[in-house]
N, C-alpha and C. Protein backbone atom coordinates (compact mmCIF):
# COMPACT_ATOMS: atom_id res chain seq x y z
N MET A 1 143.93 111.28 71.50
CA MET A 1 142.86 111.07 72.70
C MET A 1 142.78 109.85 72.67
N MET A 2 143.16 108.88 72.22
CA MET A 2 143.48 107.48 72.83
C MET A 2 144.40 107.20 73.82
N ASP A 3 145.20 107.92 73.90
CA ASP A 3 146.35 108.22 75.51
C ASP A 3 145.50 108.43 75.97
N TRP A 4 144.54 109.09 75.83
CA TRP A 4 144.04 110.43 77.03
C TRP A 4 143.24 108.71 77.68
N LEU A 5 142.22 108.35 77.02
CA LEU A 5 141.25 107.76 77.23
C LEU A 5 142.17 106.32 77.71
N ARG A 6 143.07 105.96 77.31
CA ARG A 6 143.94 104.80 78.25
C ARG A 6 144.58 104.80 79.25
N ASP A 7 144.60 105.94 79.62
CA ASP A 7 144.85 106.96 81.31
C ASP A 7 144.34 107.17 81.96
N ASN A 8 143.38 107.54 81.43
CA ASN A 8 141.77 108.34 82.32
C ASN A 8 140.17 107.33 81.78
N ILE A 9 140.54 105.91 81.45
CA ILE A 9 139.32 105.45 81.75
C ILE A 9 138.41 104.99 82.76
N TRP A 10 138.74 105.29 83.73
CA TRP A 10 138.01 105.52 84.99
C TRP A 10 137.15 106.26 84.20
N ALA A 11 137.16 107.17 83.93
CA ALA A 11 136.39 108.82 83.57
C ALA A 11 135.88 108.15 82.02
N ALA A 12 136.02 107.51 81.58
CA ALA A 12 134.44 107.09 80.51
C ALA A 12 133.87 106.13 81.71
N TRP A 13 134.61 105.32 82.40
CA TRP A 13 133.28 104.54 83.50
C TRP A 13 132.56 105.23 83.77
N LEU A 14 132.71 106.85 84.77
CA LEU A 14 132.31 107.33 85.21
C LEU A 14 130.68 108.02 84.29
N ALA A 15 131.40 108.54 83.23
CA ALA A 15 130.91 108.81 82.02
C ALA A 15 129.32 108.13 81.54
N ILE A 16 129.75 106.48 81.39
CA ILE A 16 129.04 105.58 81.88
C ILE A 16 127.86 105.78 82.37
N ALA A 17 128.23 105.31 83.14
CA ALA A 17 127.65 105.57 84.65
C ALA A 17 126.28 106.46 84.67
N ALA A 18 127.10 107.68 84.44
CA ALA A 18 126.05 108.90 84.63
C ALA A 18 125.52 108.74 83.48
N VAL A 19 125.71 108.65 82.40
CA VAL A 19 124.39 108.26 81.16
C VAL A 19 123.27 107.88 81.82
N LEU A 20 123.67 106.43 82.36
CA LEU A 20 123.02 105.67 82.18
C LEU A 20 121.91 105.99 83.65
N GLY A 21 122.70 106.45 84.67
CA GLY A 21 122.00 107.10 85.56
C GLY A 21 120.76 108.31 85.15
N LEU A 22 121.41 108.69 84.49
CA LEU A 22 120.33 109.79 84.11
C LEU A 22 119.08 109.51 83.14
N ALA A 23 119.46 108.18 82.14
CA ALA A 23 118.64 107.59 81.30
C ALA A 23 117.61 107.15 81.97
N GLU A 24 117.59 106.65 83.77
CA GLU A 24 116.74 106.04 84.46
C GLU A 24 116.17 106.88 85.30
N LEU A 25 116.36 107.96 84.95
CA LEU A 25 115.30 108.97 85.00
C LEU A 25 114.02 108.80 84.63
N ALA A 26 114.53 108.38 83.26
CA ALA A 26 113.36 108.50 81.74
C ALA A 26 112.71 107.14 82.25
N SER A 27 113.01 105.81 82.61
CA SER A 27 112.45 104.69 82.26
C SER A 27 111.82 104.78 83.94
N LEU A 28 112.93 104.54 85.03
CA LEU A 28 112.52 104.89 86.47
C LEU A 28 111.30 103.38 86.63
N ASP A 29 112.52 102.15 86.41
CA ASP A 29 112.67 100.59 85.95
C ASP A 29 113.30 100.01 87.00
N PHE A 30 114.61 101.11 87.66
CA PHE A 30 115.54 100.94 88.48
C PHE A 30 116.91 99.97 87.41
N THR A 31 116.18 99.56 85.90
CA THR A 31 117.17 98.66 85.49
C THR A 31 118.55 99.09 85.46
N LEU A 32 117.84 100.51 84.68
CA LEU A 32 120.09 100.84 83.86
C LEU A 32 120.14 101.99 85.25
N LEU A 33 119.33 102.06 86.46
CA LEU A 33 120.38 102.30 87.74
C LEU A 33 120.83 101.06 88.00
N MET A 34 120.66 99.65 88.21
CA MET A 34 122.23 99.22 88.21
C MET A 34 123.06 98.36 87.07
N LEU A 35 123.27 98.77 86.24
CA LEU A 35 123.80 98.84 84.99
C LEU A 35 124.41 100.11 85.63
N ALA A 36 123.85 101.04 85.97
CA ALA A 36 125.55 102.39 86.28
C ALA A 36 126.10 101.90 87.10
N ALA A 37 125.55 101.18 88.44
CA ALA A 37 126.45 100.74 89.54
C ALA A 37 127.44 100.14 88.93
N GLY A 38 127.12 98.92 88.03
CA GLY A 38 128.08 98.29 87.47
C GLY A 38 129.43 98.50 86.74
N ALA A 39 128.65 99.90 86.18
CA ALA A 39 129.54 100.67 85.49
C ALA A 39 130.46 101.54 86.50
N LEU A 40 129.56 101.96 87.57
CA LEU A 40 130.70 102.71 88.82
C LEU A 40 131.63 101.69 89.16
N THR A 41 131.21 101.00 89.78
CA THR A 41 132.40 100.16 90.04
C THR A 41 133.37 99.58 89.19
N ALA A 42 133.23 99.33 87.77
CA ALA A 42 134.14 99.40 87.16
C ALA A 42 135.05 100.50 87.17
N ALA A 43 134.61 101.57 87.52
CA ALA A 43 135.23 103.29 87.15
C ALA A 43 136.48 103.17 88.72
N GLY A 44 135.74 102.29 89.68
CA GLY A 44 136.72 102.02 90.79
C GLY A 44 137.88 101.00 89.95
N VAL A 45 137.64 99.96 89.74
CA VAL A 45 138.40 99.29 89.15
C VAL A 45 139.52 99.58 88.14
N ALA A 46 139.52 100.48 87.62
CA ALA A 46 139.97 100.91 86.73
C ALA A 46 140.91 102.27 87.22
N ALA A 47 140.40 102.83 88.01
CA ALA A 47 141.11 103.08 89.28
C ALA A 47 142.66 102.84 89.68
N PHE A 48 141.97 101.57 89.87
CA PHE A 48 143.20 100.48 90.30
C PHE A 48 144.17 99.80 89.50
N PHE A 49 143.94 99.22 88.63
CA PHE A 49 144.07 98.64 87.69
C PHE A 49 144.05 99.00 86.29
N PRO A 50 143.87 100.65 85.35
CA PRO A 50 144.44 100.60 84.50
C PRO A 50 144.18 100.41 83.29
N GLY A 51 145.18 99.31 83.26
CA GLY A 51 146.13 98.40 82.44
C GLY A 51 144.65 97.55 81.81
N LEU A 52 143.99 96.82 82.74
CA LEU A 52 143.40 95.35 82.84
C LEU A 52 141.79 95.76 82.40
N LEU A 53 141.47 96.12 80.79
CA LEU A 53 140.38 96.35 80.35
C LEU A 53 139.34 95.32 80.91
N TRP A 54 140.17 94.04 80.29
CA TRP A 54 138.97 92.97 80.97
C TRP A 54 138.82 92.68 82.14
N LEU A 55 139.60 92.70 83.04
CA LEU A 55 139.08 92.99 84.37
C LEU A 55 137.80 93.70 84.66
N GLN A 56 138.14 94.99 84.11
CA GLN A 56 136.97 95.92 84.36
C GLN A 56 135.61 95.66 83.89
N ILE A 57 135.53 94.82 82.96
CA ILE A 57 134.64 94.41 82.32
C ILE A 57 133.61 93.37 82.90
N VAL A 58 134.68 92.30 83.34
CA VAL A 58 134.35 91.58 83.97
C VAL A 58 133.81 91.84 85.98
N ILE A 59 134.70 92.52 85.85
CA ILE A 59 133.76 92.86 88.12
C ILE A 59 132.95 93.70 87.19
N GLY A 60 132.50 94.78 86.31
CA GLY A 60 131.67 95.77 86.06
C GLY A 60 129.94 94.28 85.93
N LEU A 61 130.63 94.03 85.16
CA LEU A 61 129.26 93.04 84.72
C LEU A 61 128.86 92.59 85.68
N ILE A 62 129.83 91.72 86.80
CA ILE A 62 129.46 90.98 88.03
C ILE A 62 128.76 92.16 89.06
N ALA A 63 128.84 93.21 89.25
CA ALA A 63 128.51 93.72 89.95
C ALA A 63 127.05 94.54 89.57
N ALA A 64 126.79 94.85 88.14
CA ALA A 64 125.64 94.52 87.78
C ALA A 64 124.36 93.64 87.94
N GLY A 65 125.02 92.56 87.54
CA GLY A 65 123.96 91.25 87.28
C GLY A 65 123.20 91.15 89.13
N ALA A 66 124.65 91.16 89.65
CA ALA A 66 124.62 91.09 91.31
C ALA A 66 123.12 91.94 92.04
N MET A 67 123.48 93.41 91.39
CA MET A 67 122.28 94.66 91.30
C MET A 67 120.75 93.69 91.34
N LEU A 68 120.93 93.70 89.58
CA LEU A 68 119.96 93.24 89.02
C LEU A 68 118.89 92.08 89.60
N GLY A 69 120.00 90.86 90.24
CA GLY A 69 119.25 89.71 90.20
C GLY A 69 118.73 89.96 92.04
N ALA A 70 119.84 91.13 92.82
CA ALA A 70 119.74 90.61 94.08
C ALA A 70 119.35 92.36 95.12
N ILE A 71 119.55 93.60 94.16
CA ILE A 71 119.16 94.47 94.86
C ILE A 71 117.48 95.41 94.38
N ARG A 72 117.32 94.89 92.82
CA ARG A 72 116.45 95.39 92.46
C ARG A 72 115.06 94.96 92.37
N PRO A 73 115.37 93.39 92.62
CA PRO A 73 113.45 92.57 93.38
C PRO A 73 113.11 93.65 94.43
N MET A 74 114.41 94.00 95.22
CA MET A 74 113.67 94.30 96.52
C MET A 74 113.66 95.78 96.68
N ILE A 75 113.84 96.38 95.87
CA ILE A 75 113.57 98.01 95.18
C ILE A 75 111.94 97.87 94.91
N VAL A 76 112.11 96.85 93.97
CA VAL A 76 110.36 97.11 93.13
C VAL A 76 109.39 96.49 93.80
N ARG A 77 109.80 95.35 94.74
CA ARG A 77 108.94 95.06 95.83
C ARG A 77 108.70 95.52 96.12
N LYS A 78 109.38 96.58 97.32
CA LYS A 78 109.02 97.59 98.82
C LYS A 78 108.50 98.65 97.77
N ILE A 79 108.73 99.27 96.66
CA ILE A 79 107.92 100.34 96.00
C ILE A 79 106.16 100.01 95.31
N HIS A 80 105.93 98.40 94.51
CA HIS A 80 104.56 98.38 94.63
C HIS A 80 103.66 97.79 95.49
N HIS A 81 104.21 97.09 96.68
CA HIS A 81 103.87 96.85 97.58
C HIS A 81 103.39 97.54 98.78
N GLY A 82 104.26 98.43 98.67
CA GLY A 82 103.70 99.22 100.31
C GLY A 82 102.21 99.74 99.67
N GLN A 83 101.75 100.44 101.07
CA GLN A 83 100.63 100.86 101.09
C GLN A 83 100.00 101.70 100.47
N GLU A 84 98.50 102.19 99.84
CA GLU A 84 98.26 102.65 98.60
C GLU A 84 98.01 103.84 99.39
N LEU A 85 98.13 104.82 98.97
CA LEU A 85 97.78 106.15 99.31
C LEU A 85 96.29 107.00 99.02
N LYS A 86 96.14 106.87 99.91
CA LYS A 86 94.25 107.18 99.85
C LYS A 86 94.19 109.21 99.81
N THR A 87 93.70 110.03 99.09
CA THR A 87 93.62 111.23 98.93
C THR A 87 91.88 111.64 99.18
N GLY A 88 91.98 112.85 99.11
CA GLY A 88 90.53 113.30 98.84
C GLY A 88 89.72 112.68 100.14
N SER A 89 88.70 112.70 99.94
CA SER A 89 87.75 111.83 101.24
C SER A 89 87.93 110.33 101.66
N ALA A 90 88.42 110.06 100.25
CA ALA A 90 88.78 108.25 100.57
C ALA A 90 89.65 107.87 101.76
N HIS A 91 90.20 108.82 102.39
CA HIS A 91 90.78 108.06 103.64
C HIS A 91 90.39 107.98 104.47
N VAL A 92 88.61 108.30 104.91
CA VAL A 92 87.91 108.01 106.39
C VAL A 92 86.98 106.88 105.71
N ILE A 93 87.21 106.21 104.67
CA ILE A 93 86.79 105.35 104.99
C ILE A 93 87.30 104.29 105.52
N GLY A 94 86.07 103.12 105.98
CA GLY A 94 86.92 102.11 106.99
C GLY A 94 86.99 103.15 108.37
N ARG A 95 87.57 104.32 108.73
CA ARG A 95 87.46 105.06 109.75
C ARG A 95 86.48 105.16 110.73
N THR A 96 86.95 105.13 112.62
CA THR A 96 85.48 104.63 113.28
C THR A 96 85.68 106.34 113.59
N GLY A 97 84.17 106.70 114.10
CA GLY A 97 84.13 107.78 114.77
C GLY A 97 83.07 108.11 115.74
N THR A 98 82.63 109.08 116.05
CA THR A 98 81.27 108.72 117.32
C THR A 98 80.79 109.99 116.56
N VAL A 99 79.14 109.37 117.19
CA VAL A 99 78.49 110.44 116.91
C VAL A 99 78.33 111.73 117.87
N VAL A 100 77.76 113.41 116.85
CA VAL A 100 78.16 114.13 117.62
C VAL A 100 76.53 114.54 117.77
N LYS A 101 75.93 114.70 116.67
CA LYS A 101 74.37 114.87 116.56
C LYS A 101 73.54 114.20 115.79
N GLU A 102 72.54 113.67 116.25
CA GLU A 102 71.65 112.56 116.40
C GLU A 102 71.83 111.90 114.57
N ILE A 103 71.67 111.18 114.36
CA ILE A 103 72.07 110.94 112.48
C ILE A 103 70.63 110.31 112.56
N HIS A 104 70.07 110.45 111.44
CA HIS A 104 68.28 110.26 110.71
C HIS A 104 68.72 110.14 109.33
N PRO A 105 67.36 109.66 108.76
CA PRO A 105 67.55 109.50 107.05
C PRO A 105 67.77 110.66 106.38
N ASP A 106 66.66 111.94 107.36
CA ASP A 106 66.33 112.38 106.68
C ASP A 106 67.93 114.15 106.57
N GLY A 107 68.65 112.97 106.82
CA GLY A 107 69.95 114.13 106.95
C GLY A 107 70.02 115.03 108.07
N GLY A 108 71.06 115.75 108.39
CA GLY A 108 71.44 116.81 109.62
C GLY A 108 72.04 116.24 110.56
N GLY A 109 73.16 115.12 110.32
CA GLY A 109 73.37 114.85 111.47
C GLY A 109 75.09 114.81 111.23
N SER A 110 75.83 114.68 112.65
CA SER A 110 76.75 114.73 112.68
C SER A 110 78.00 113.56 113.46
N ILE A 111 78.63 113.33 112.71
CA ILE A 111 79.74 112.53 113.83
C ILE A 111 81.35 113.03 113.46
N ARG A 112 82.27 113.13 114.91
CA ARG A 112 83.67 113.48 114.95
C ARG A 112 84.47 112.38 114.13
N LEU A 113 85.47 112.87 113.68
CA LEU A 113 86.19 111.87 113.10
C LEU A 113 87.77 112.24 113.36
N GLY A 114 88.32 112.08 113.79
CA GLY A 114 89.21 112.20 114.99
C GLY A 114 89.25 113.98 114.94
N GLY A 115 89.76 114.93 114.70
CA GLY A 115 89.27 116.41 114.83
C GLY A 115 88.01 116.96 114.39
N ASP A 116 87.89 116.12 113.64
CA ASP A 116 87.22 116.72 111.98
C ASP A 116 85.51 116.22 112.28
N LEU A 117 85.01 117.22 112.01
CA LEU A 117 83.88 117.03 112.34
C LEU A 117 82.82 117.06 111.08
N TRP A 118 82.15 115.67 110.32
CA TRP A 118 81.28 115.41 108.91
C TRP A 118 79.56 115.47 108.83
N THR A 119 79.24 115.92 108.26
CA THR A 119 78.05 116.01 108.15
C THR A 119 77.77 114.15 108.19
N ALA A 120 76.82 113.61 108.01
CA ALA A 120 76.61 111.89 108.16
C ALA A 120 74.92 111.53 108.09
N ARG A 121 74.50 110.53 107.48
CA ARG A 121 73.52 109.65 107.37
C ARG A 121 73.82 108.30 107.60
N PRO A 122 72.81 107.97 107.84
CA PRO A 122 73.05 106.49 108.32
C PRO A 122 72.79 105.46 107.07
N TYR A 123 73.81 104.09 106.94
CA TYR A 123 74.31 103.50 105.85
C TYR A 123 72.58 102.39 105.00
N ASP A 124 71.97 102.38 106.35
CA ASP A 124 70.70 101.87 105.56
C ASP A 124 69.59 103.07 105.24
N GLU A 125 69.61 103.87 105.60
CA GLU A 125 68.44 104.39 104.71
C GLU A 125 67.49 104.76 106.15
N VAL A 126 67.23 103.69 106.87
CA VAL A 126 65.66 103.93 107.76
C VAL A 126 66.21 104.02 108.84
N SER A 127 67.23 103.70 110.01
CA SER A 127 67.70 104.00 110.63
C SER A 127 68.28 104.99 111.54
N THR A 128 67.22 105.85 112.71
CA THR A 128 68.02 106.53 113.79
C THR A 128 69.61 105.93 114.53
N ILE A 129 70.49 107.21 114.56
CA ILE A 129 71.40 106.56 115.12
C ILE A 129 71.94 107.57 116.65
N ALA A 130 72.20 107.31 117.62
CA ALA A 130 72.22 108.11 118.68
C ALA A 130 73.20 108.96 118.79
N PRO A 131 73.44 109.98 119.72
CA PRO A 131 74.35 110.61 120.25
C PRO A 131 75.83 109.59 120.93
N GLY A 132 76.90 109.42 120.86
CA GLY A 132 77.96 108.81 121.38
C GLY A 132 78.04 107.80 120.91
N THR A 133 77.31 107.10 119.86
CA THR A 133 77.48 105.90 119.14
C THR A 133 78.55 106.00 118.40
N ARG A 134 80.00 105.18 118.75
CA ARG A 134 80.06 105.01 117.50
C ARG A 134 80.22 104.05 116.15
N VAL A 135 80.96 104.81 115.48
CA VAL A 135 80.54 104.01 113.76
C VAL A 135 81.57 104.35 112.85
N GLU A 136 81.35 103.66 112.15
CA GLU A 136 82.29 103.03 110.98
C GLU A 136 82.12 103.77 109.45
N VAL A 137 82.90 104.50 109.22
CA VAL A 137 82.60 105.20 107.86
C VAL A 137 82.18 104.09 106.29
N MET A 138 81.46 103.96 106.11
CA MET A 138 81.10 102.95 104.70
C MET A 138 81.31 103.35 103.34
N SER A 139 81.40 104.86 102.95
CA SER A 139 81.55 105.73 102.36
C SER A 139 81.28 106.62 102.30
N VAL A 140 81.30 108.00 101.16
CA VAL A 140 81.24 109.13 101.26
C VAL A 140 81.17 109.59 100.15
N ASP A 141 79.67 110.75 100.11
CA ASP A 141 78.82 110.61 99.80
C ASP A 141 79.03 112.04 99.19
N GLY A 142 79.31 112.89 98.33
CA GLY A 142 79.85 114.17 98.75
C GLY A 142 80.80 114.90 99.53
N ALA A 143 80.29 115.45 100.17
CA ALA A 143 80.76 115.88 101.85
C ALA A 143 80.08 115.08 102.76
N THR A 144 78.92 114.16 102.70
CA THR A 144 78.64 113.16 103.66
C THR A 144 79.02 112.02 104.04
N ALA A 145 79.59 111.69 105.42
CA ALA A 145 79.83 110.30 105.68
C ALA A 145 78.37 109.36 105.63
N VAL A 146 79.09 108.37 104.96
CA VAL A 146 77.72 107.04 104.95
C VAL A 146 78.24 106.69 105.81
N VAL A 147 77.87 106.20 107.30
CA VAL A 147 77.80 105.50 108.40
C VAL A 147 76.96 104.43 109.24
N TYR A 148 77.71 103.25 109.64
CA TYR A 148 76.75 102.56 110.16
C TYR A 148 77.61 102.28 111.85
N PRO A 149 76.70 101.71 112.94
CA PRO A 149 77.22 101.70 114.38
C PRO A 149 77.96 100.39 114.36
N VAL A 150 79.71 100.48 114.26
CA VAL A 150 80.29 99.83 115.22
C VAL A 150 79.71 98.17 115.93
N SER A 151 79.32 98.91 117.09
CA SER A 151 78.75 97.41 118.73
C SER A 151 78.29 96.91 118.13
N ASP A 152 76.90 97.69 116.61
CA ASP A 152 75.65 96.32 116.56
C ASP A 152 75.66 96.26 115.12
N PRO A 153 76.36 96.27 113.97
CA PRO A 153 76.18 96.71 112.31
C PRO A 153 75.05 95.96 111.81
N LEU A 154 74.80 94.53 112.39
CA LEU A 154 74.00 93.39 111.30
C LEU A 154 72.06 94.22 112.34
N HIS A 155 72.31 94.21 113.49
CA HIS A 155 70.53 94.59 114.29
C HIS A 155 70.73 96.40 113.29
N HIS A 156 71.91 97.06 113.14
CA HIS A 156 71.67 98.13 112.54
C HIS A 156 71.00 98.18 110.96
N GLN A 157 71.89 97.17 110.41
CA GLN A 157 71.66 97.08 108.96
C GLN A 157 70.31 96.07 108.59
N LEU A 158 69.32 96.01 109.52
CA LEU A 158 68.15 94.69 109.30
C LEU A 158 67.35 95.81 109.91
N GLY A 159 67.48 96.95 110.56
CA GLY A 159 66.84 98.35 110.86
C GLY A 159 65.80 97.68 111.00
N THR A 160 65.33 97.06 112.26
CA THR A 160 64.72 96.28 113.56
C THR A 160 65.26 96.72 114.94
N ASN A 161 64.48 97.04 115.80
CA ASN A 161 64.82 97.39 116.97
C ASN A 161 65.10 95.60 117.74
N GLU A 162 65.16 94.29 117.11
CA GLU A 162 64.88 93.67 117.91
C GLU A 162 66.91 93.03 117.71
N PRO A 163 66.83 92.96 119.10
CA PRO A 163 68.61 92.32 118.83
C PRO A 163 68.59 90.77 117.94
N PRO A 164 69.88 90.66 117.08
CA PRO A 164 70.29 89.65 116.28
C PRO A 164 70.05 88.29 117.16
N GLN A 165 69.04 87.32 116.11
CA GLN A 165 68.89 86.33 116.71
C GLN A 165 70.16 85.23 116.99
N GLN A 166 69.77 84.28 118.43
CA GLN A 166 71.34 83.63 118.75
C GLN A 166 71.34 82.31 117.21
N ASP A 167 72.71 81.87 116.66
CA ASP A 167 73.10 80.98 115.79
C ASP A 167 72.69 79.62 116.54
N PRO A 168 71.85 78.69 116.62
CA PRO A 168 71.62 77.60 116.90
C PRO A 168 72.37 76.68 116.97
N LYS A 169 73.98 76.41 116.08
CA LYS A 169 75.09 75.83 116.10
C LYS A 169 75.53 75.55 117.18
N GLN A 170 75.88 77.56 118.00
CA GLN A 170 76.81 78.24 119.10
C GLN A 170 75.29 77.53 120.43
N ASP A 171 76.38 77.21 121.30
CA ASP A 171 76.13 77.04 122.70
C ASP A 171 75.14 77.76 123.29
N PRO A 172 73.93 77.92 123.96
CA PRO A 172 73.31 78.54 124.29
C PRO A 172 73.90 79.24 125.83
N PRO A 173 74.02 80.71 125.84
CA PRO A 173 74.18 81.57 126.63
C PRO A 173 74.83 80.90 128.08
N GLN A 174 75.36 80.89 129.16
CA GLN A 174 75.24 80.19 130.58
C GLN A 174 74.89 81.52 131.30
N ALA A 175 73.94 81.13 132.32
CA ALA A 175 73.27 82.27 133.37
C ALA A 175 74.12 82.05 134.41
């Protein structure tokens, strides 16, 4: 047995790499995967230098350390800082659509978001939004999109028919 292991040390390194790789499936931390890469590197060294166990260990440790220090942080950053997957009706929040049927506080209005038709109601619960108006979805209440006009959200939220006041700090409009 010892003679076979001495002659086939690369197979032992491959077995270690396989065990670490399978253990990675349980942890999903990418640490064991980097150690498996070090064992795989040691198996490659063992194929060329079967009698130099110390060299196999050193090269395997250097490879595992390099993977842990350089590759793992990039993988973890990519996985944990990617876009959040929005499911269900949450994927429409923040999207803009067009009013198809007049939206009023009593309900009954509808908007087109992409190719889908949604029941809609105004965000401020007092305004009426005319067909053709661009709106943004603020939230979803059941199957109803809660929207406000994109072109004039301040005017809409105030629920008045007056245009917003000019900021006195800004220059007056030129005629």
